[in-house]
Amino acid sequence: MTAPRLWLIVPAAGIGQRMQAGQPKQYLRIDQRFILDITLSRLMDSAPFSGCMVPLHPADHWWPDTEASRDSRIQTCTGGSERACSVLSALHAMAEQVADDDWILVHDAARPCLHTRDLSNLIERLYDHPVGGLLASPVADTLKRADTGELHEVAETVDRSDLWRALTPQMFRYRLLVDSLEAALREELPVTDESSAIEFSGNMPVLVEGRPDNLKITVPADLALAGFILSRF
């Protein structure tokens, strides 16, 4: 029996409205490199991936200027209006290359600060698991739940002892991920990440602790912070 292979999906079809930068956040630059190029090179050069699929916005005109566009290991497809739709589009585009038991790792395009040790640990911990799991970080801050009033007054302090922040990559078997995403989208369930779709299918992903500085660039202040984190690696 052939050992399961590793494949990477990096959804890059978003437009990053909260950055207010005039272009998608994955095409902003840190030290003269596109964030997307930093993200892709860090992953592709750190694990034995058989290939990578990058779902792009239909109107994307930045991709041809990337380093990744010249990497023969990386393919592109048309993404969707939501993350789950983009991931499913990539999974369908890979169908003829991938076996049902192969591993799919999905990673955010605007999360360039993944530490290579976290990636190796994720793969090692999950490789023989029947379902898969995700990098995550235990919640450190005190959490408050707001009431529904206009002032957002504190309704309660939330117990954080068993709460984790979901990170990426998230790593699941190909067929299970396809079936779970298709079912969740068909039933119009709130799929915020791949793990949530797997959870809706009745399976229990494994949480693998990762570094809390695995930052997702979302607002302008994150750009400088990501640059600082990358400079320390």
C-alpha atoms as a PDB file:
ATOM      1  CA  MET A   1       0.000   0.000   0.000  1.00  0.00           C
ATOM      2  CA  THR A   2       1.334   3.435  -0.983  1.00  0.00           C
ATOM      3  CA  ALA A   3       2.068   5.814   1.884  1.00  0.00           C
ATOM      4  CA  PRO A   4      -0.186   8.893   1.985  1.00  0.00           C
ATOM      5  CA  ARG A   5       1.315  11.945   0.308  1.00  0.00           C
ATOM      6  CA  LEU A   6       1.208  15.547   1.476  1.00  0.00           C
ATOM      7  CA  TRP A   7      -0.492  18.289  -0.550  1.00  0.00           C
ATOM      8  CA  LEU A   8      -0.853  21.994   0.168  1.00  0.00           C
ATOM      9  CA  ILE A   9      -3.726  24.400  -0.478  1.00  0.00           C
ATOM     10  CA  VAL A  10      -3.255  28.139   0.127  1.00  0.00           C
ATOM     11  CA  PRO A  11      -6.504  30.035  -0.583  1.00  0.00           C
ATOM     12  CA  ALA A  12      -5.638  33.436  -2.075  1.00  0.00           C
ATOM     13  CA  ALA A  13      -8.954  34.590  -3.524  1.00  0.00           C
ATOM     14  CA  GLY A  14      -9.773  37.075  -0.751  1.00  0.00           C
ATOM     15  CA  ILE A  15      -9.711  40.835  -1.216  1.00  0.00           C
ATOM     16  CA  GLY A  16      -8.711  41.806   2.355  1.00  0.00           C
ATOM     17  CA  GLN A  17     -11.122  44.702   2.877  1.00  0.00           C
ATOM     18  CA  ARG A  18      -9.996  45.387   6.453  1.00  0.00           C
ATOM     19  CA  MET A  19      -6.473  46.228   5.291  1.00  0.00           C
ATOM     20  CA  GLN A  20      -7.793  49.175   3.213  1.00  0.00           C
ATOM     21  CA  ALA A  21      -4.663  48.890   1.081  1.00  0.00           C
ATOM     22  CA  GLY A  22      -6.074  49.085  -2.447  1.00  0.00           C
ATOM     23  CA  GLN A  23      -4.990  45.531  -3.170  1.00  0.00           C
ATOM     24  CA  PRO A  24      -5.445  42.101  -1.550  1.00  0.00           C
ATOM     25  CA  LYS A  25      -3.356  41.712   1.594  1.00  0.00           C
ATOM     26  CA  GLN A  26      -1.536  38.659   0.238  1.00  0.00           C
ATOM     27  CA  TYR A  27       0.030  40.981  -2.346  1.00  0.00           C
ATOM     28  CA  LEU A  28       1.339  43.506   0.136  1.00  0.00           C
ATOM     29  CA  ARG A  29       5.100  43.341   0.657  1.00  0.00           C
ATOM     30  CA  ILE A  30       7.427  42.605   3.565  1.00  0.00           C
ATOM     31  CA  ASP A  31      11.088  43.313   2.757  1.00  0.00           C
ATOM     32  CA  GLN A  32      10.210  43.693  -0.927  1.00  0.00           C
ATOM     33  CA  ARG A  33       8.523  40.266  -1.166  1.00  0.00           C
ATOM     34  CA  PHE A  34       4.836  39.539  -1.561  1.00  0.00           C
ATOM     35  CA  ILE A  35       3.326  38.076   1.606  1.00  0.00           C
ATOM     36  CA  LEU A  36       1.980  35.231  -0.531  1.00  0.00           C
ATOM     37  CA  ASP A  37       5.479  34.399  -1.777  1.00  0.00           C
ATOM     38  CA  ILE A  38       6.852  34.357   1.767  1.00  0.00           C
ATOM     39  CA  THR A  39       4.033  32.076   2.906  1.00  0.00           C
ATOM     40  CA  LEU A  40       4.337  29.646   0.011  1.00  0.00           C
ATOM     41  CA  SER A  41       8.127  29.402   0.105  1.00  0.00           C
ATOM     42  CA  ARG A  42       8.214  28.800   3.864  1.00  0.00           C
ATOM     43  CA  LEU A  43       5.856  25.843   3.523  1.00  0.00           C
ATOM     44  CA  MET A  44       7.007  24.353   0.228  1.00  0.00           C
ATOM     45  CA  ASP A  45      10.653  24.418   1.301  1.00  0.00           C
ATOM     46  CA  SER A  46       9.964  22.894   4.725  1.00  0.00           C
ATOM     47  CA  ALA A  47       7.980  19.706   4.014  1.00  0.00           C
ATOM     48  CA  PRO A  48       7.901  17.077   1.225  1.00  0.00           C
ATOM     49  CA  PHE A  49       4.733  18.299  -0.493  1.00  0.00           C
ATOM     50  CA  SER A  50       3.802  16.530  -3.715  1.00  0.00           C
ATOM     51  CA  GLY A  51       2.180  19.713  -4.991  1.00  0.00           C
ATOM     52  CA  CYS A  52       0.312  22.872  -4.113  1.00  0.00           C
ATOM     53  CA  MET A  53      -2.919  24.470  -5.354  1.00  0.00           C
ATOM     54  CA  VAL A  54      -3.585  28.205  -4.960  1.00  0.00           C
ATOM     55  CA  PRO A  55      -7.191  29.334  -5.577  1.00  0.00           C
ATOM     56  CA  LEU A  56      -7.198  32.887  -6.982  1.00  0.00           C
ATOM     57  CA  HIS A  57      -9.843  35.572  -7.420  1.00  0.00           C
ATOM     58  CA  PRO A  58     -11.174  35.597 -11.004  1.00  0.00           C
ATOM     59  CA  ALA A  59      -9.962  39.197 -11.425  1.00  0.00           C
ATOM     60  CA  ASP A  60      -6.510  38.600  -9.894  1.00  0.00           C
ATOM     61  CA  HIS A  61      -3.808  40.311 -11.962  1.00  0.00           C
ATOM     62  CA  TRP A  62      -0.979  40.214  -9.400  1.00  0.00           C
ATOM     63  CA  TRP A  63      -0.215  36.476  -9.516  1.00  0.00           C
ATOM     64  CA  PRO A  64       1.969  36.590 -12.682  1.00  0.00           C
ATOM     65  CA  ASP A  65       4.368  38.922 -10.831  1.00  0.00           C
ATOM     66  CA  THR A  66       4.938  36.496  -7.951  1.00  0.00           C
ATOM     67  CA  GLU A  67       7.906  34.218  -7.406  1.00  0.00           C
ATOM     68  CA  ALA A  68       5.445  31.368  -6.880  1.00  0.00           C
ATOM     69  CA  SER A  69       4.038  31.696 -10.400  1.00  0.00           C
ATOM     70  CA  ARG A  70       7.369  30.372 -11.685  1.00  0.00           C
ATOM     71  CA  ASP A  71       7.454  27.382  -9.299  1.00  0.00           C
ATOM     72  CA  SER A  72       6.520  24.214 -11.183  1.00  0.00           C
ATOM     73  CA  ARG A  73       5.253  22.606  -7.962  1.00  0.00           C
ATOM     74  CA  ILE A  74       2.479  25.190  -7.635  1.00  0.00           C
ATOM     75  CA  GLN A  75      -0.768  25.226  -9.622  1.00  0.00           C
ATOM     76  CA  THR A  76      -3.674  27.677  -9.550  1.00  0.00           C
ATOM     77  CA  CYS A  77      -7.429  27.453  -9.913  1.00  0.00           C
ATOM     78  CA  THR A  78     -10.363  29.840  -9.639  1.00  0.00           C
ATOM     79  CA  GLY A  79     -11.449  30.449  -6.075  1.00  0.00           C
ATOM     80  CA  GLY A  80     -14.888  31.234  -4.677  1.00  0.00           C
ATOM     81  CA  SER A  81     -16.591  34.012  -2.759  1.00  0.00           C
ATOM     82  CA  GLU A  82     -15.916  32.315   0.596  1.00  0.00           C
ATOM     83  CA  ARG A  83     -12.893  30.483   1.964  1.00  0.00           C
ATOM     84  CA  ALA A  84     -14.715  27.131   2.054  1.00  0.00           C
ATOM     85  CA  CYS A  85     -15.712  27.514  -1.606  1.00  0.00           C
ATOM     86  CA  SER A  86     -12.107  28.283  -2.573  1.00  0.00           C
ATOM     87  CA  VAL A  87     -10.769  25.263  -0.694  1.00  0.00           C
ATOM     88  CA  LEU A  88     -13.387  23.012  -2.254  1.00  0.00           C
ATOM     89  CA  SER A  89     -12.550  24.386  -5.703  1.00  0.00           C
ATOM     90  CA  ALA A  90      -8.894  23.527  -5.097  1.00  0.00           C
ATOM     91  CA  LEU A  91      -9.783  20.030  -3.884  1.00  0.00           C
ATOM     92  CA  HIS A  92     -11.834  19.408  -7.019  1.00  0.00           C
ATOM     93  CA  ALA A  93      -9.020  20.737  -9.225  1.00  0.00           C
ATOM     94  CA  MET A  94      -6.598  18.279  -7.571  1.00  0.00           C
ATOM     95  CA  ALA A  95      -8.928  15.276  -7.828  1.00  0.00           C
ATOM     96  CA  GLU A  96      -7.022  13.402 -10.546  1.00  0.00           C
ATOM     97  CA  GLN A  97      -3.695  13.747  -8.727  1.00  0.00           C
ATOM     98  CA  VAL A  98      -4.668  12.964  -5.135  1.00  0.00           C
ATOM     99  CA  ALA A  99      -5.612   9.698  -3.413  1.00  0.00           C
ATOM    100  CA  ASP A 100      -8.492   9.577  -0.930  1.00  0.00           C
ATOM    101  CA  ASP A 101      -6.160   8.962   2.039  1.00  0.00           C
ATOM    102  CA  ASP A 102      -3.606  11.602   1.069  1.00  0.00           C
ATOM    103  CA  TRP A 103      -3.122  14.505   3.443  1.00  0.00           C
ATOM    104  CA  ILE A 104      -4.293  18.006   2.542  1.00  0.00           C
ATOM    105  CA  LEU A 105      -2.780  20.898   4.484  1.00  0.00           C
ATOM    106  CA  VAL A 106      -4.679  24.182   4.174  1.00  0.00           C
ATOM    107  CA  HIS A 107      -2.844  27.346   5.190  1.00  0.00           C
ATOM    108  CA  ASP A 108      -3.852  31.018   5.170  1.00  0.00           C
ATOM    109  CA  ALA A 109      -2.155  33.066   2.448  1.00  0.00           C
ATOM    110  CA  ALA A 110      -1.684  35.992   4.844  1.00  0.00           C
ATOM    111  CA  ARG A 111      -0.098  33.901   7.592  1.00  0.00           C
ATOM    112  CA  PRO A 112       3.607  34.057   6.663  1.00  0.00           C
ATOM    113  CA  CYS A 113       5.055  33.586  10.177  1.00  0.00           C
ATOM    114  CA  LEU A 114       4.566  29.826  10.492  1.00  0.00           C
ATOM    115  CA  HIS A 115       7.567  28.309  12.229  1.00  0.00           C
ATOM    116  CA  THR A 116       8.995  25.300  10.435  1.00  0.00           C
ATOM    117  CA  ARG A 117       9.147  23.297  13.686  1.00  0.00           C
ATOM    118  CA  ASP A 118       5.391  23.733  14.104  1.00  0.00           C
ATOM    119  CA  LEU A 119       4.827  22.451  10.572  1.00  0.00           C
ATOM    120  CA  SER A 120       7.030  19.408  11.186  1.00  0.00           C
ATOM    121  CA  ASN A 121       5.346  18.698  14.510  1.00  0.00           C
ATOM    122  CA  LEU A 122       1.866  18.919  12.972  1.00  0.00           C
ATOM    123  CA  ILE A 123       2.736  16.433  10.238  1.00  0.00           C
ATOM    124  CA  GLU A 124       4.507  14.047  12.621  1.00  0.00           C
ATOM    125  CA  ARG A 125       1.676  14.095  15.174  1.00  0.00           C
ATOM    126  CA  LEU A 126      -1.123  13.550  12.651  1.00  0.00           C
ATOM    127  CA  TYR A 127       0.381  11.433   9.892  1.00  0.00           C
ATOM    128  CA  ASP A 128      -1.041   8.146  11.214  1.00  0.00           C
ATOM    129  CA  HIS A 129      -4.280   9.630  12.551  1.00  0.00           C
ATOM    130  CA  PRO A 130      -7.509   8.640  10.732  1.00  0.00           C
ATOM    131  CA  VAL A 131      -8.971  12.171  10.671  1.00  0.00           C
ATOM    132  CA  GLY A 132      -6.352  14.900  11.149  1.00  0.00           C
ATOM    133  CA  GLY A 133      -6.259  18.157  13.030  1.00  0.00           C
ATOM    134  CA  LEU A 134      -4.882  21.666  13.187  1.00  0.00           C
ATOM    135  CA  LEU A 135      -2.321  23.915  14.768  1.00  0.00           C
ATOM    136  CA  ALA A 136      -3.848  25.882  17.634  1.00  0.00           C
ATOM    137  CA  SER A 137      -2.761  28.057  20.540  1.00  0.00           C
ATOM    138  CA  PRO A 138      -4.285  28.009  24.044  1.00  0.00           C
ATOM    139  CA  VAL A 139      -6.103  31.259  24.823  1.00  0.00           C
ATOM    140  CA  ALA A 140      -3.976  33.377  27.167  1.00  0.00           C
ATOM    141  CA  ASP A 141      -6.065  36.526  27.576  1.00  0.00           C
ATOM    142  CA  THR A 142      -9.029  36.921  29.888  1.00  0.00           C
ATOM    143  CA  LEU A 143     -12.185  36.723  27.776  1.00  0.00           C
ATOM    144  CA  LYS A 144     -15.293  38.854  28.231  1.00  0.00           C
ATOM    145  CA  ARG A 145     -18.718  38.243  26.728  1.00  0.00           C
ATOM    146  CA  ALA A 146     -20.549  41.477  25.842  1.00  0.00           C
ATOM    147  CA  ASP A 147     -24.258  42.044  26.217  1.00  0.00           C
ATOM    148  CA  THR A 148     -26.379  43.033  23.237  1.00  0.00           C
ATOM    149  CA  GLY A 149     -26.653  46.693  24.193  1.00  0.00           C
ATOM    150  CA  GLU A 150     -25.139  49.582  22.280  1.00  0.00           C
ATOM    151  CA  LEU A 151     -22.411  50.149  24.890  1.00  0.00           C
ATOM    152  CA  HIS A 152     -21.208  46.519  24.816  1.00  0.00           C
ATOM    153  CA  GLU A 153     -21.139  46.205  28.574  1.00  0.00           C
ATOM    154  CA  VAL A 154     -19.615  43.063  30.062  1.00  0.00           C
ATOM    155  CA  ALA A 155     -22.167  40.303  30.515  1.00  0.00           C
ATOM    156  CA  GLU A 156     -19.737  37.740  31.922  1.00  0.00           C
ATOM    157  CA  THR A 157     -16.133  36.601  32.098  1.00  0.00           C
ATOM    158  CA  VAL A 158     -15.677  33.434  30.054  1.00  0.00           C
ATOM    159  CA  ASP A 159     -13.724  30.440  31.368  1.00  0.00           C
ATOM    160  CA  ARG A 160     -10.727  30.141  29.047  1.00  0.00           C
ATOM    161  CA  SER A 161      -9.252  26.926  30.516  1.00  0.00           C
ATOM    162  CA  ASP A 162     -10.314  24.760  27.571  1.00  0.00           C
ATOM    163  CA  LEU A 163     -10.349  27.404  24.801  1.00  0.00           C
ATOM    164  CA  TRP A 164      -7.876  27.452  21.926  1.00  0.00           C
ATOM    165  CA  ARG A 165      -7.226  29.842  19.018  1.00  0.00           C
ATOM    166  CA  ALA A 166      -7.444  27.980  15.710  1.00  0.00           C
ATOM    167  CA  LEU A 167      -4.366  28.508  13.532  1.00  0.00           C
ATOM    168  CA  THR A 168      -3.216  27.028  10.240  1.00  0.00           C
ATOM    169  CA  PRO A 169      -2.137  24.764   8.656  1.00  0.00           C
ATOM    170  CA  GLN A 170      -5.123  22.485   9.148  1.00  0.00           C
ATOM    171  CA  MET A 171      -4.455  18.934   8.000  1.00  0.00           C
ATOM    172  CA  PHE A 172      -7.100  16.412   6.919  1.00  0.00           C
ATOM    173  CA  ARG A 173      -7.528  13.393   4.670  1.00  0.00           C
ATOM    174  CA  TYR A 174      -8.538  14.339   1.117  1.00  0.00           C
ATOM    175  CA  ARG A 175     -11.808  12.406   0.795  1.00  0.00           C
ATOM    176  CA  LEU A 176     -13.010  13.256   4.295  1.00  0.00           C
ATOM    177  CA  LEU A 177     -12.331  16.956   3.705  1.00  0.00           C
ATOM    178  CA  VAL A 178     -14.115  16.980   0.328  1.00  0.00           C
ATOM    179  CA  ASP A 179     -17.166  15.175   1.685  1.00  0.00           C
ATOM    180  CA  SER A 180     -17.306  17.328   4.831  1.00  0.00           C
ATOM    181  CA  LEU A 181     -17.058  20.634   2.964  1.00  0.00           C
ATOM    182  CA  GLU A 182     -19.617  19.598   0.366  1.00  0.00           C
ATOM    183  CA  ALA A 183     -22.093  18.511   3.046  1.00  0.00           C
ATOM    184  CA  ALA A 184     -21.596  21.631   5.168  1.00  0.00           C
ATOM    185  CA  LEU A 185     -22.030  23.989   2.218  1.00  0.00           C
ATOM    186  CA  ARG A 186     -25.058  22.068   0.986  1.00  0.00           C
ATOM    187  CA  GLU A 187     -26.669  22.405   4.418  1.00  0.00           C
ATOM    188  CA  GLU A 188     -25.613  26.073   4.664  1.00  0.00           C
ATOM    189  CA  LEU A 189     -23.688  25.504   7.895  1.00  0.00           C
ATOM    190  CA  PRO A 190     -21.282  28.216   9.143  1.00  0.00           C
ATOM    191  CA  VAL A 191     -17.927  26.914   7.892  1.00  0.00           C
ATOM    192  CA  THR A 192     -15.252  29.278   9.240  1.00  0.00           C
ATOM    193  CA  ASP A 193     -12.359  26.865   8.735  1.00  0.00           C
ATOM    194  CA  GLU A 194     -11.734  23.308   7.543  1.00  0.00           C
ATOM    195  CA  SER A 195     -11.923  21.959  11.085  1.00  0.00           C
ATOM    196  CA  SER A 196     -15.476  23.256  11.525  1.00  0.00           C
ATOM    197  CA  ALA A 197     -16.585  21.306   8.444  1.00  0.00           C
ATOM    198  CA  ILE A 198     -14.914  18.154   9.791  1.00  0.00           C
ATOM    199  CA  GLU A 199     -16.612  18.729  13.161  1.00  0.00           C
ATOM    200  CA  PHE A 200     -20.031  19.045  11.483  1.00  0.00           C
ATOM    201  CA  SER A 201     -19.414  15.611   9.916  1.00  0.00           C
ATOM    202  CA  GLY A 202     -19.168  14.091  13.402  1.00  0.00           C
ATOM    203  CA  ASN A 203     -15.380  13.708  13.514  1.00  0.00           C
ATOM    204  CA  MET A 204     -13.035  15.111  16.151  1.00  0.00           C
ATOM    205  CA  PRO A 205      -9.917  16.924  14.873  1.00  0.00           C
ATOM    206  CA  VAL A 206      -6.781  16.917  17.018  1.00  0.00           C
ATOM    207  CA  LEU A 207      -5.444  20.199  18.417  1.00  0.00           C
ATOM    208  CA  VAL A 208      -1.661  20.428  17.991  1.00  0.00           C
ATOM    209  CA  GLU A 209      -0.147  23.274  19.974  1.00  0.00           C
ATOM    210  CA  GLY A 210       1.656  25.851  17.852  1.00  0.00           C
ATOM    211  CA  ARG A 211       3.453  29.103  18.498  1.00  0.00           C
ATOM    212  CA  PRO A 212       1.162  32.063  19.225  1.00  0.00           C
ATOM    213  CA  ASP A 213       3.194  34.279  16.863  1.00  0.00           C
ATOM    214  CA  ASN A 214       1.781  32.371  13.864  1.00  0.00           C
ATOM    215  CA  LEU A 215       0.119  35.671  12.982  1.00  0.00           C
ATOM    216  CA  LYS A 216      -2.603  36.179  10.382  1.00  0.00           C
ATOM    217  CA  ILE A 217      -2.226  39.618   8.795  1.00  0.00           C
ATOM    218  CA  THR A 218      -5.672  41.221   8.993  1.00  0.00           C
ATOM    219  CA  VAL A 219      -5.339  44.936   9.814  1.00  0.00           C
ATOM    220  CA  PRO A 220      -2.575  47.440   8.871  1.00  0.00           C
ATOM    221  CA  ALA A 221      -0.769  47.162  12.233  1.00  0.00           C
ATOM    222  CA  ASP A 222      -0.225  43.433  11.627  1.00  0.00           C
ATOM    223  CA  LEU A 223       2.088  44.121   8.694  1.00  0.00           C
ATOM    224  CA  ALA A 224       4.868  45.641  10.788  1.00  0.00           C
ATOM    225  CA  LEU A 225       4.442  42.981  13.472  1.00  0.00           C
ATOM    226  CA  ALA A 226       4.752  40.198  10.895  1.00  0.00           C
ATOM    227  CA  GLY A 227       7.907  41.819   9.545  1.00  0.00           C
ATOM    228  CA  PHE A 228       9.384  41.897  13.031  1.00  0.00           C
ATOM    229  CA  ILE A 229       8.485  38.239  13.729  1.00  0.00           C
ATOM    230  CA  LEU A 230      10.030  37.122  10.433  1.00  0.00           C
ATOM    231  CA  SER A 231      13.204  39.057  11.184  1.00  0.00           C
ATOM    232  CA  ARG A 232      13.665  37.008  14.379  1.00  0.00           C
ATOM    233  CA  PHE A 233      13.546  33.577  12.702  1.00  0.00           C
END
